[in-house]
Amino acid sequence: MTIRIPDVAVGVLALQGAFSEHLQLLRRAALDLKTQEHVDLKWTFIEVRTPHELDQCDGLVIPGGESTSMSLVAARSGLLEPLRDFVKVLRKPTWGTCAGLILLAESANRTKKGGQELIGGLDVRVNRNHFGRQVESFQANLNLPFLHHMAETGTSKPYRCVFIRAPVVEKILRHQSGMQTEEATRDATVVAPSKSPADELAQDEVRAEVEVMAQLPTQSPALQSNPEHNHAGTNDIIAVRQGNVFGTSFHPELTEDPRIHVWWLGEVVAAVQRRQRFQLVDRSA
């Protein structure tokens, strides 16, 4: 059955980084979503550089690039606090890739105090540049279970993940109301400021646990020859979700594969529908 809901607007933060590549794949994904999932609606995709443009969005992508530059430009343009409100107060769907994952973490290490500000939303600590310098960039074919339902046959083909000076989720943090104060005492670590959710629906998103969506085995051949890579565990966490916030270490926007973009647009549609139902119940109460 065809789903019909009001027009949906998705923004891509366009301050720095690979925002145009995300926009191209989002447009492809919208067409695929209509064909594969029978979601028939009008999409608007917006390059977000101002608070007014952000206000128009039902969902937001924060692209790969340079996280410190993004946060500095956002602060200077008056966009940093609106971004925090979008993610942590309104709890609208937000996806960060590479640098975007860093910005959406509640804690990030290898960071000079005052040199990087975070948006927050994911109760994780990220390790910046975990895989080393630009020359240690690599690609890996990985099985992503959350894409399995999209396979035309019984199994999903591997996803080609592109890692460029990529972070990983070093630790999943215990959720607490307010700022991650214990993380703030760590050397070379910055934390995101606290924000209170706007209403009960947003509060439900806050209560969600961090889900590990993808891991990279440290035995991967792509890592064996990388002298910069150092990890005590057997897997690196490279994708997580918590409520309305999704983050990936790698760069789906630098591939020709729209499957993650299709999946995420489906998540945006579901969030819009939840908001509609909540508002109907709230008005009738």
C-alpha atoms as a PDB file:
ATOM      1  CA  MET A   1       0.000   0.000   0.000  1.00  0.00           C
ATOM      2  CA  THR A   2       1.314   3.453  -0.908  1.00  0.00           C
ATOM      3  CA  ILE A   3       2.083   5.664   2.091  1.00  0.00           C
ATOM      4  CA  ARG A   4       1.080   9.300   1.763  1.00  0.00           C
ATOM      5  CA  ILE A   5       2.328  11.866   4.248  1.00  0.00           C
ATOM      6  CA  PRO A   6       3.081  15.600   3.907  1.00  0.00           C
ATOM      7  CA  ASP A   7       6.183  16.783   2.064  1.00  0.00           C
ATOM      8  CA  VAL A   8       9.438  15.958   3.829  1.00  0.00           C
ATOM      9  CA  ALA A   9      12.481  18.259   3.871  1.00  0.00           C
ATOM     10  CA  VAL A  10      15.954  16.871   4.522  1.00  0.00           C
ATOM     11  CA  GLY A  11      18.939  19.154   4.996  1.00  0.00           C
ATOM     12  CA  VAL A  12      22.653  18.570   4.537  1.00  0.00           C
ATOM     13  CA  LEU A  13      24.947  20.794   6.584  1.00  0.00           C
ATOM     14  CA  ALA A  14      26.837  22.687   3.883  1.00  0.00           C
ATOM     15  CA  LEU A  15      29.522  24.545   5.820  1.00  0.00           C
ATOM     16  CA  GLN A  16      32.428  22.327   4.742  1.00  0.00           C
ATOM     17  CA  GLY A  17      33.074  18.808   3.514  1.00  0.00           C
ATOM     18  CA  ALA A  18      31.300  16.371   1.205  1.00  0.00           C
ATOM     19  CA  PHE A  19      27.799  17.845   1.340  1.00  0.00           C
ATOM     20  CA  SER A  20      27.158  17.842  -2.430  1.00  0.00           C
ATOM     21  CA  GLU A  21      27.929  14.109  -2.626  1.00  0.00           C
ATOM     22  CA  HIS A  22      25.342  13.436   0.095  1.00  0.00           C
ATOM     23  CA  LEU A  23      22.750  15.487  -1.775  1.00  0.00           C
ATOM     24  CA  GLN A  24      23.281  13.489  -4.956  1.00  0.00           C
ATOM     25  CA  LEU A  25      22.822  10.164  -3.167  1.00  0.00           C
ATOM     26  CA  LEU A  26      19.822  11.433  -1.218  1.00  0.00           C
ATOM     27  CA  ARG A  27      18.052  12.307  -4.469  1.00  0.00           C
ATOM     28  CA  ARG A  28      18.803   8.835  -5.822  1.00  0.00           C
ATOM     29  CA  ALA A  29      17.660   7.282  -2.555  1.00  0.00           C
ATOM     30  CA  ALA A  30      14.323   9.106  -2.667  1.00  0.00           C
ATOM     31  CA  LEU A  31      13.602   7.533  -6.056  1.00  0.00           C
ATOM     32  CA  ASP A  32      14.671   4.094  -4.802  1.00  0.00           C
ATOM     33  CA  LEU A  33      12.519   4.467  -1.687  1.00  0.00           C
ATOM     34  CA  LYS A  34       9.477   5.083  -3.860  1.00  0.00           C
ATOM     35  CA  THR A  35      10.228   2.017  -5.992  1.00  0.00           C
ATOM     36  CA  GLN A  36      11.322  -0.398  -3.248  1.00  0.00           C
ATOM     37  CA  GLU A  37       9.240   0.626  -0.241  1.00  0.00           C
ATOM     38  CA  HIS A  38       6.281   2.321  -2.015  1.00  0.00           C
ATOM     39  CA  VAL A  39       6.886   5.563  -0.130  1.00  0.00           C
ATOM     40  CA  ASP A  40       5.374   8.157  -2.454  1.00  0.00           C
ATOM     41  CA  LEU A  41       5.845  11.738  -1.318  1.00  0.00           C
ATOM     42  CA  LYS A  42       7.526  14.971  -2.292  1.00  0.00           C
ATOM     43  CA  TRP A  43      11.069  15.368  -0.991  1.00  0.00           C
ATOM     44  CA  THR A  44      12.912  18.644  -0.620  1.00  0.00           C
ATOM     45  CA  PHE A  45      16.677  18.572  -0.118  1.00  0.00           C
ATOM     46  CA  ILE A  46      18.285  21.684   1.366  1.00  0.00           C
ATOM     47  CA  GLU A  47      21.861  22.919   1.694  1.00  0.00           C
ATOM     48  CA  VAL A  48      21.872  24.160   5.294  1.00  0.00           C
ATOM     49  CA  ARG A  49      24.006  27.186   6.140  1.00  0.00           C
ATOM     50  CA  THR A  50      21.658  29.272   8.303  1.00  0.00           C
ATOM     51  CA  PRO A  51      19.293  28.703  11.242  1.00  0.00           C
ATOM     52  CA  HIS A  52      16.348  29.567   8.961  1.00  0.00           C
ATOM     53  CA  GLU A  53      17.293  26.785   6.529  1.00  0.00           C
ATOM     54  CA  LEU A  54      17.703  24.358   9.434  1.00  0.00           C
ATOM     55  CA  ASP A  55      14.225  25.255  10.728  1.00  0.00           C
ATOM     56  CA  GLN A  56      12.718  23.949   7.487  1.00  0.00           C
ATOM     57  CA  CYS A  57      14.190  20.455   7.904  1.00  0.00           C
ATOM     58  CA  ASP A  58      12.588  17.253   9.151  1.00  0.00           C
ATOM     59  CA  GLY A  59      15.973  15.490   9.097  1.00  0.00           C
ATOM     60  CA  LEU A  60      19.630  16.468   8.753  1.00  0.00           C
ATOM     61  CA  VAL A  61      22.861  14.944   7.453  1.00  0.00           C
ATOM     62  CA  ILE A  62      26.207  16.179   8.788  1.00  0.00           C
ATOM     63  CA  PRO A  63      28.792  15.163   6.161  1.00  0.00           C
ATOM     64  CA  GLY A  64      32.359  14.024   6.267  1.00  0.00           C
ATOM     65  CA  GLY A  65      35.014  16.718   6.215  1.00  0.00           C
ATOM     66  CA  GLU A  66      36.941  18.433   9.001  1.00  0.00           C
ATOM     67  CA  SER A  67      34.998  18.460  12.259  1.00  0.00           C
ATOM     68  CA  THR A  68      36.932  21.325  13.879  1.00  0.00           C
ATOM     69  CA  SER A  69      36.383  23.563  10.862  1.00  0.00           C
ATOM     70  CA  MET A  70      32.694  22.685  10.777  1.00  0.00           C
ATOM     71  CA  SER A  71      32.201  23.521  14.447  1.00  0.00           C
ATOM     72  CA  LEU A  72      34.114  26.814  14.161  1.00  0.00           C
ATOM     73  CA  VAL A  73      32.121  27.935  11.100  1.00  0.00           C
ATOM     74  CA  ALA A  74      28.859  26.853  12.743  1.00  0.00           C
ATOM     75  CA  ALA A  75      29.683  28.852  15.868  1.00  0.00           C
ATOM     76  CA  ARG A  76      30.651  31.968  13.890  1.00  0.00           C
ATOM     77  CA  SER A  77      27.493  31.790  11.766  1.00  0.00           C
ATOM     78  CA  GLY A  78      25.186  31.405  14.763  1.00  0.00           C
ATOM     79  CA  LEU A  79      24.284  27.842  13.779  1.00  0.00           C
ATOM     80  CA  LEU A  80      25.884  25.781  16.559  1.00  0.00           C
ATOM     81  CA  GLU A  81      23.148  26.262  19.178  1.00  0.00           C
ATOM     82  CA  PRO A  82      20.324  25.723  16.637  1.00  0.00           C
ATOM     83  CA  LEU A  83      22.051  22.480  15.620  1.00  0.00           C
ATOM     84  CA  ARG A  84      22.139  21.343  19.245  1.00  0.00           C
ATOM     85  CA  ASP A  85      18.446  22.219  19.594  1.00  0.00           C
ATOM     86  CA  PHE A  86      17.624  20.300  16.394  1.00  0.00           C
ATOM     87  CA  VAL A  87      19.402  17.161  17.603  1.00  0.00           C
ATOM     88  CA  LYS A  88      18.952  17.206  21.384  1.00  0.00           C
ATOM     89  CA  VAL A  89      15.852  19.326  22.092  1.00  0.00           C
ATOM     90  CA  LEU A  90      13.596  18.612  19.104  1.00  0.00           C
ATOM     91  CA  ARG A  91      15.254  15.203  18.612  1.00  0.00           C
ATOM     92  CA  LYS A  92      14.834  15.235  14.840  1.00  0.00           C
ATOM     93  CA  PRO A  93      16.542  12.514  12.769  1.00  0.00           C
ATOM     94  CA  THR A  94      20.215  13.328  12.272  1.00  0.00           C
ATOM     95  CA  TRP A  95      22.946  11.311  10.556  1.00  0.00           C
ATOM     96  CA  GLY A  96      26.646  12.121  10.788  1.00  0.00           C
ATOM     97  CA  THR A  97      29.359  10.579   8.618  1.00  0.00           C
ATOM     98  CA  CYS A  98      33.013  10.608   9.765  1.00  0.00           C
ATOM     99  CA  ALA A  99      33.408  14.239  10.916  1.00  0.00           C
ATOM    100  CA  GLY A 100      29.651  14.248  11.469  1.00  0.00           C
ATOM    101  CA  LEU A 101      29.990  11.291  13.843  1.00  0.00           C
ATOM    102  CA  ILE A 102      32.581  13.231  15.853  1.00  0.00           C
ATOM    103  CA  LEU A 103      30.285  16.255  16.125  1.00  0.00           C
ATOM    104  CA  LEU A 104      27.333  14.103  17.237  1.00  0.00           C
ATOM    105  CA  ALA A 105      29.280  12.321  19.991  1.00  0.00           C
ATOM    106  CA  GLU A 106      28.909  13.389  23.606  1.00  0.00           C
ATOM    107  CA  SER A 107      32.671  12.974  24.057  1.00  0.00           C
ATOM    108  CA  ALA A 108      35.664  13.124  21.703  1.00  0.00           C
ATOM    109  CA  ASN A 109      39.317  12.542  22.521  1.00  0.00           C
ATOM    110  CA  ARG A 110      42.561  13.589  20.824  1.00  0.00           C
ATOM    111  CA  THR A 111      41.122  17.102  21.003  1.00  0.00           C
ATOM    112  CA  LYS A 112      42.622  20.295  22.373  1.00  0.00           C
ATOM    113  CA  LYS A 113      40.454  22.124  24.881  1.00  0.00           C
ATOM    114  CA  GLY A 114      38.791  25.050  23.142  1.00  0.00           C
ATOM    115  CA  GLY A 115      39.675  23.749  19.684  1.00  0.00           C
ATOM    116  CA  GLN A 116      36.558  21.721  18.993  1.00  0.00           C
ATOM    117  CA  GLU A 117      32.917  22.049  20.033  1.00  0.00           C
ATOM    118  CA  LEU A 118      30.464  19.170  19.865  1.00  0.00           C
ATOM    119  CA  ILE A 119      26.759  19.019  19.139  1.00  0.00           C
ATOM    120  CA  GLY A 120      26.178  15.739  20.976  1.00  0.00           C
ATOM    121  CA  GLY A 121      23.275  13.320  20.885  1.00  0.00           C
ATOM    122  CA  LEU A 122      25.131   9.982  20.940  1.00  0.00           C
ATOM    123  CA  ASP A 123      26.261   8.688  24.334  1.00  0.00           C
ATOM    124  CA  VAL A 124      29.636   7.575  23.017  1.00  0.00           C
ATOM    125  CA  ARG A 125      33.265   8.607  23.146  1.00  0.00           C
ATOM    126  CA  VAL A 126      34.865   8.794  19.716  1.00  0.00           C
ATOM    127  CA  ASN A 127      38.550   8.418  18.986  1.00  0.00           C
ATOM    128  CA  ARG A 128      39.440  10.929  16.292  1.00  0.00           C
ATOM    129  CA  ASN A 129      41.652   9.842  13.372  1.00  0.00           C
ATOM    130  CA  HIS A 130      41.656   6.327  14.814  1.00  0.00           C
ATOM    131  CA  PHE A 131      43.021   4.782  11.625  1.00  0.00           C
ATOM    132  CA  GLY A 132      45.820   7.287  11.165  1.00  0.00           C
ATOM    133  CA  ARG A 133      46.643   9.918   8.590  1.00  0.00           C
ATOM    134  CA  GLN A 134      45.237  10.523   5.113  1.00  0.00           C
ATOM    135  CA  VAL A 135      47.745   8.109   3.588  1.00  0.00           C
ATOM    136  CA  GLU A 136      46.356   5.310   5.802  1.00  0.00           C
ATOM    137  CA  SER A 137      42.897   5.656   4.222  1.00  0.00           C
ATOM    138  CA  PHE A 138      41.394   2.373   3.059  1.00  0.00           C
ATOM    139  CA  GLN A 139      38.224   0.611   1.897  1.00  0.00           C
ATOM    140  CA  ALA A 140      36.601  -2.552   3.201  1.00  0.00           C
ATOM    141  CA  ASN A 141      33.668  -4.693   2.067  1.00  0.00           C
ATOM    142  CA  LEU A 142      31.454  -5.191   5.131  1.00  0.00           C
ATOM    143  CA  ASN A 143      28.247  -6.972   5.968  1.00  0.00           C
ATOM    144  CA  LEU A 144      25.755  -4.414   7.357  1.00  0.00           C
ATOM    145  CA  PRO A 145      22.843  -6.313   8.951  1.00  0.00           C
ATOM    146  CA  PHE A 146      20.514  -3.304   9.058  1.00  0.00           C
ATOM    147  CA  LEU A 147      20.463  -3.325   5.240  1.00  0.00           C
ATOM    148  CA  HIS A 148      19.443  -6.977   4.913  1.00  0.00           C
ATOM    149  CA  HIS A 149      15.730  -6.282   4.434  1.00  0.00           C
ATOM    150  CA  MET A 150      16.583  -4.268   1.320  1.00  0.00           C
ATOM    151  CA  ALA A 151      18.162  -7.219  -0.500  1.00  0.00           C
ATOM    152  CA  GLU A 152      16.349  -8.333  -3.642  1.00  0.00           C
ATOM    153  CA  THR A 153      17.459 -11.904  -2.950  1.00  0.00           C
ATOM    154  CA  GLY A 154      17.816 -13.683   0.371  1.00  0.00           C
ATOM    155  CA  THR A 155      21.134 -12.095   1.337  1.00  0.00           C
ATOM    156  CA  SER A 156      22.522  -8.588   1.149  1.00  0.00           C
ATOM    157  CA  LYS A 157      25.676  -7.899  -0.815  1.00  0.00           C
ATOM    158  CA  PRO A 158      28.593  -6.364   1.124  1.00  0.00           C
ATOM    159  CA  TYR A 159      28.772  -2.606   1.425  1.00  0.00           C
ATOM    160  CA  ARG A 160      31.960  -0.891   0.275  1.00  0.00           C
ATOM    161  CA  CYS A 161      32.990   1.276   3.248  1.00  0.00           C
ATOM    162  CA  VAL A 162      35.420   4.148   2.633  1.00  0.00           C
ATOM    163  CA  PHE A 163      37.552   5.215   5.627  1.00  0.00           C
ATOM    164  CA  ILE A 164      39.467   8.518   5.410  1.00  0.00           C
ATOM    165  CA  ARG A 165      41.143   9.731   8.618  1.00  0.00           C
ATOM    166  CA  ALA A 166      38.178   8.040  10.234  1.00  0.00           C
ATOM    167  CA  PRO A 167      37.105   8.016  13.884  1.00  0.00           C
ATOM    168  CA  VAL A 168      35.690   5.018  15.715  1.00  0.00           C
ATOM    169  CA  VAL A 169      33.433   4.680  18.717  1.00  0.00           C
ATOM    170  CA  GLU A 170      35.957   3.977  21.445  1.00  0.00           C
ATOM    171  CA  LYS A 171      33.428   3.565  24.257  1.00  0.00           C
ATOM    172  CA  ILE A 172      29.663   3.466  24.733  1.00  0.00           C
ATOM    173  CA  LEU A 173      28.932   5.736  27.667  1.00  0.00           C
ATOM    174  CA  ARG A 174      26.361   5.339  30.409  1.00  0.00           C
ATOM    175  CA  HIS A 175      23.440   7.636  29.661  1.00  0.00           C
ATOM    176  CA  GLN A 176      22.917  10.396  32.199  1.00  0.00           C
ATOM    177  CA  SER A 177      20.859  13.559  32.305  1.00  0.00           C
ATOM    178  CA  GLY A 178      23.095  16.511  31.691  1.00  0.00           C
ATOM    179  CA  MET A 179      26.679  16.652  30.520  1.00  0.00           C
ATOM    180  CA  GLN A 180      29.066  13.694  30.606  1.00  0.00           C
ATOM    181  CA  THR A 181      30.970  15.185  33.562  1.00  0.00           C
ATOM    182  CA  GLU A 182      33.295  12.207  34.092  1.00  0.00           C
ATOM    183  CA  GLU A 183      34.378  12.392  30.446  1.00  0.00           C
ATOM    184  CA  ALA A 184      35.103  16.103  30.897  1.00  0.00           C
ATOM    185  CA  THR A 185      37.873  15.250  33.397  1.00  0.00           C
ATOM    186  CA  ARG A 186      39.827  13.220  30.838  1.00  0.00           C
ATOM    187  CA  ASP A 187      42.906  14.724  29.205  1.00  0.00           C
ATOM    188  CA  ALA A 188      42.572  15.912  25.594  1.00  0.00           C
ATOM    189  CA  THR A 189      38.829  15.251  25.679  1.00  0.00           C
ATOM    190  CA  VAL A 190      35.896  17.583  24.984  1.00  0.00           C
ATOM    191  CA  VAL A 191      32.239  16.950  25.794  1.00  0.00           C
ATOM    192  CA  ALA A 192      28.958  18.306  24.486  1.00  0.00           C
ATOM    193  CA  PRO A 193      26.784  20.614  26.593  1.00  0.00           C
ATOM    194  CA  SER A 194      23.522  19.272  27.972  1.00  0.00           C
ATOM    195  CA  LYS A 195      20.105  20.053  26.512  1.00  0.00           C
ATOM    196  CA  SER A 196      16.623  19.081  27.683  1.00  0.00           C
ATOM    197  CA  PRO A 197      14.176  17.443  25.259  1.00  0.00           C
ATOM    198  CA  ALA A 198      11.237  19.558  24.146  1.00  0.00           C
ATOM    199  CA  ASP A 199       8.396  17.152  24.954  1.00  0.00           C
ATOM    200  CA  GLU A 200       7.483  13.579  25.862  1.00  0.00           C
ATOM    201  CA  LEU A 201       8.080  12.255  22.349  1.00  0.00           C
ATOM    202  CA  ALA A 202      11.582  13.747  22.355  1.00  0.00           C
ATOM    203  CA  GLN A 203      12.113  12.336  25.843  1.00  0.00           C
ATOM    204  CA  ASP A 204      11.401   8.853  24.467  1.00  0.00           C
ATOM    205  CA  GLU A 205      14.271   9.323  21.998  1.00  0.00           C
ATOM    206  CA  VAL A 206      16.570  10.311  24.870  1.00  0.00           C
ATOM    207  CA  ARG A 207      15.746   7.106  26.753  1.00  0.00           C
ATOM    208  CA  ALA A 208      16.922   4.937  23.848  1.00  0.00           C
ATOM    209  CA  GLU A 209      20.074   2.887  24.323  1.00  0.00           C
ATOM    210  CA  VAL A 210      23.045   3.095  21.968  1.00  0.00           C
ATOM    211  CA  GLU A 211      22.805   0.374  19.305  1.00  0.00           C
ATOM    212  CA  VAL A 212      25.937  -0.916  17.584  1.00  0.00           C
ATOM    213  CA  MET A 213      24.991  -1.016  13.890  1.00  0.00           C
ATOM    214  CA  ALA A 214      28.301  -2.093  12.325  1.00  0.00           C
ATOM    215  CA  GLN A 215      31.763  -3.238  13.348  1.00  0.00           C
ATOM    216  CA  LEU A 216      35.063  -3.656  11.527  1.00  0.00           C
ATOM    217  CA  PRO A 217      37.111  -6.720  12.497  1.00  0.00           C
ATOM    218  CA  THR A 218      40.611  -5.653  13.473  1.00  0.00           C
ATOM    219  CA  GLN A 219      41.867  -8.707  11.585  1.00  0.00           C
ATOM    220  CA  SER A 220      40.721  -7.023   8.372  1.00  0.00           C
ATOM    221  CA  PRO A 221      43.541  -7.186   5.776  1.00  0.00           C
ATOM    222  CA  ALA A 222      43.089  -3.456   5.220  1.00  0.00           C
ATOM    223  CA  LEU A 223      44.281  -2.861   8.804  1.00  0.00           C
ATOM    224  CA  GLN A 224      47.118  -5.356   9.087  1.00  0.00           C
ATOM    225  CA  SER A 225      49.521  -3.174   7.127  1.00  0.00           C
ATOM    226  CA  ASN A 226      48.461   0.040   8.896  1.00  0.00           C
ATOM    227  CA  PRO A 227      51.034   0.922  11.593  1.00  0.00           C
ATOM    228  CA  GLU A 228      48.797   3.702  12.967  1.00  0.00           C
ATOM    229  CA  HIS A 229      45.929   1.351  13.860  1.00  0.00           C
ATOM    230  CA  ASN A 230      45.891   0.279  17.487  1.00  0.00           C
ATOM    231  CA  HIS A 231      42.945  -1.306  19.275  1.00  0.00           C
ATOM    232  CA  ALA A 232      42.762  -3.736  22.155  1.00  0.00           C
ATOM    233  CA  GLY A 233      39.485  -5.381  21.112  1.00  0.00           C
ATOM    234  CA  THR A 234      38.562  -7.695  18.283  1.00  0.00           C
ATOM    235  CA  ASN A 235      36.285  -5.214  16.502  1.00  0.00           C
ATOM    236  CA  ASP A 236      36.141  -1.474  15.912  1.00  0.00           C
ATOM    237  CA  ILE A 237      32.672   0.055  16.278  1.00  0.00           C
ATOM    238  CA  ILE A 238      32.074   2.041  13.099  1.00  0.00           C
ATOM    239  CA  ALA A 239      28.309   2.725  13.144  1.00  0.00           C
ATOM    240  CA  VAL A 240      25.902   3.442  15.992  1.00  0.00           C
ATOM    241  CA  ARG A 241      22.361   4.648  16.513  1.00  0.00           C
ATOM    242  CA  GLN A 242      20.657   6.095  19.565  1.00  0.00           C
ATOM    243  CA  GLY A 243      17.063   7.200  19.160  1.00  0.00           C
ATOM    244  CA  ASN A 244      16.992   9.896  16.490  1.00  0.00           C
ATOM    245  CA  VAL A 245      20.777  10.027  15.968  1.00  0.00           C
ATOM    246  CA  PHE A 246      22.798   7.806  13.617  1.00  0.00           C
ATOM    247  CA  GLY A 247      26.539   7.948  13.015  1.00  0.00           C
ATOM    248  CA  THR A 248      29.013   6.189  10.714  1.00  0.00           C
ATOM    249  CA  SER A 249      32.808   6.302  10.764  1.00  0.00           C
ATOM    250  CA  PHE A 250      32.956   5.751   7.030  1.00  0.00           C
ATOM    251  CA  HIS A 251      31.796   7.798   4.031  1.00  0.00           C
ATOM    252  CA  PRO A 252      28.713   6.362   2.246  1.00  0.00           C
ATOM    253  CA  GLU A 253      28.551   9.614   0.277  1.00  0.00           C
ATOM    254  CA  LEU A 254      31.815   8.718  -1.488  1.00  0.00           C
ATOM    255  CA  THR A 255      30.347   5.577  -3.051  1.00  0.00           C
ATOM    256  CA  GLU A 256      27.789   4.927  -5.777  1.00  0.00           C
ATOM    257  CA  ASP A 257      25.735   2.770  -3.412  1.00  0.00           C
ATOM    258  CA  PRO A 258      22.571   4.528  -2.111  1.00  0.00           C
ATOM    259  CA  ARG A 259      21.393   1.746   0.238  1.00  0.00           C
ATOM    260  CA  ILE A 260      22.268   3.471   3.527  1.00  0.00           C
ATOM    261  CA  HIS A 261      20.697   6.696   2.272  1.00  0.00           C
ATOM    262  CA  VAL A 262      17.540   4.745   1.335  1.00  0.00           C
ATOM    263  CA  TRP A 263      17.443   3.133   4.784  1.00  0.00           C
ATOM    264  CA  TRP A 264      17.954   6.461   6.552  1.00  0.00           C
ATOM    265  CA  LEU A 265      15.256   8.262   4.549  1.00  0.00           C
ATOM    266  CA  GLY A 266      12.919   5.496   5.660  1.00  0.00           C
ATOM    267  CA  GLU A 267      13.875   6.337   9.257  1.00  0.00           C
ATOM    268  CA  VAL A 268      13.064  10.001   8.600  1.00  0.00           C
ATOM    269  CA  VAL A 269       9.625   9.076   7.229  1.00  0.00           C
ATOM    270  CA  ALA A 270       8.939   6.941  10.323  1.00  0.00           C
ATOM    271  CA  ALA A 271       9.964   9.832  12.594  1.00  0.00           C
ATOM    272  CA  VAL A 272       7.659  12.260  10.764  1.00  0.00           C
ATOM    273  CA  GLN A 273       4.797   9.799  11.167  1.00  0.00           C
ATOM    274  CA  ARG A 274       5.498   9.410  14.908  1.00  0.00           C
ATOM    275  CA  ARG A 275       5.453  13.173  15.299  1.00  0.00           C
ATOM    276  CA  GLN A 276       2.125  13.396  13.445  1.00  0.00           C
ATOM    277  CA  ARG A 277       0.534  10.758  15.687  1.00  0.00           C
ATOM    278  CA  PHE A 278       1.896  12.437  18.821  1.00  0.00           C
ATOM    279  CA  GLN A 279       0.508  15.823  17.790  1.00  0.00           C
ATOM    280  CA  LEU A 280      -2.925  14.321  17.029  1.00  0.00           C
ATOM    281  CA  VAL A 281      -3.068  12.667  20.457  1.00  0.00           C
ATOM    282  CA  ASP A 282      -1.771  15.808  22.169  1.00  0.00           C
ATOM    283  CA  ARG A 283      -4.426  17.984  20.508  1.00  0.00           C
ATOM    284  CA  SER A 284      -7.212  15.584  21.410  1.00  0.00           C
ATOM    285  CA  ALA A 285      -6.148  15.326  25.070  1.00  0.00           C
END
